[in-house]
Amino acid sequence: MVILLGVSLTIALCFLGAFIWSVRTGQFEDDYSPAHQILFDDQPLKSTTEVKESLNTESENKSKQ
């Protein structure tokens, strides 16, 4: 019983030390953007009219050749 108490306190202190270390080294400074960064594209999407215009331009170029 005493051994389990000592082991559990040791493990708890290790986790507390890891938490304090991570806070001091800045691991939790920006917790919003990395999780949501994957949801945003690097370049803005084209509107539907821009897509239609580019398709029309491509088809006109092919018909001229």
Protein backbone atom coordinates (compact mmCIF):
# COMPACT_ATOMS: atom_id res chain seq x y z
CA MET A 1 0.00 0.00 0.00
CA VAL A 2 2.78 2.41 0.92
CA ILE A 3 4.68 1.52 -2.25
CA LEU A 4 1.69 2.37 -4.45
CA LEU A 5 1.29 5.71 -2.70
CA GLY A 6 4.97 6.55 -3.22
CA VAL A 7 4.87 5.51 -6.89
CA SER A 8 1.72 7.52 -7.57
CA LEU A 9 3.16 10.62 -5.89
CA THR A 10 6.38 10.26 -7.88
CA ILE A 11 4.46 9.99 -11.15
CA ALA A 12 2.27 12.97 -10.20
CA LEU A 13 5.35 15.08 -9.43
CA CYS A 14 6.88 14.09 -12.78
CA PHE A 15 3.75 15.23 -14.62
CA LEU A 16 3.67 18.46 -12.59
CA GLY A 17 7.31 19.11 -13.45
CA ALA A 18 6.65 18.45 -17.15
CA PHE A 19 3.68 20.84 -17.07
CA ILE A 20 5.69 23.60 -15.37
CA TRP A 21 8.54 23.10 -17.83
CA SER A 22 6.18 23.34 -20.81
CA VAL A 23 4.59 26.53 -19.52
CA ARG A 24 7.97 28.16 -18.89
CA THR A 25 9.32 27.28 -22.34
CA GLY A 26 6.25 28.72 -24.10
CA GLN A 27 4.58 25.55 -25.32
CA PHE A 28 1.11 26.98 -24.60
CA GLU A 29 1.57 30.50 -25.97
CA ASP A 30 -0.36 30.06 -29.22
CA ASP A 31 -2.91 27.34 -28.69
CA TYR A 32 -5.51 28.55 -31.21
CA SER A 33 -3.90 28.93 -34.59
CA PRO A 34 -1.97 25.63 -35.03
CA ALA A 35 -5.13 23.59 -34.60
CA HIS A 36 -7.10 25.72 -37.06
CA GLN A 37 -4.29 26.52 -39.47
CA ILE A 38 -4.95 23.39 -41.52
CA LEU A 39 -8.49 24.60 -42.23
CA PHE A 40 -7.33 27.71 -44.09
CA ASP A 41 -5.95 27.65 -47.63
CA ASP A 42 -2.70 29.36 -48.50
CA GLN A 43 -4.31 31.15 -51.43
CA PRO A 44 -7.88 32.46 -51.53
CA LEU A 45 -10.31 30.44 -53.59
CA LYS A 46 -11.46 31.70 -56.97
CA SER A 47 -15.03 32.80 -57.35
CA THR A 48 -17.33 30.84 -59.65
CA THR A 49 -17.25 33.60 -62.26
CA GLU A 50 -13.43 33.53 -62.32
CA VAL A 51 -13.50 29.76 -62.81
CA LYS A 52 -16.01 30.05 -65.65
CA GLU A 53 -13.96 32.78 -67.31
CA SER A 54 -10.78 30.74 -67.11
CA LEU A 55 -12.57 27.71 -68.59
CA ASN A 56 -13.95 29.84 -71.42
CA THR A 57 -10.50 31.27 -72.11
CA GLU A 58 -8.97 27.80 -72.22
CA SER A 59 -11.63 26.50 -74.59
CA GLU A 60 -11.19 29.55 -76.87
CA ASN A 61 -7.44 29.00 -76.95
CA LYS A 62 -7.91 25.35 -77.94
CA SER A 63 -10.37 26.23 -80.69
CA LYS A 64 -7.95 28.79 -82.17
CA GLN A 65 -5.23 26.20 -82.48
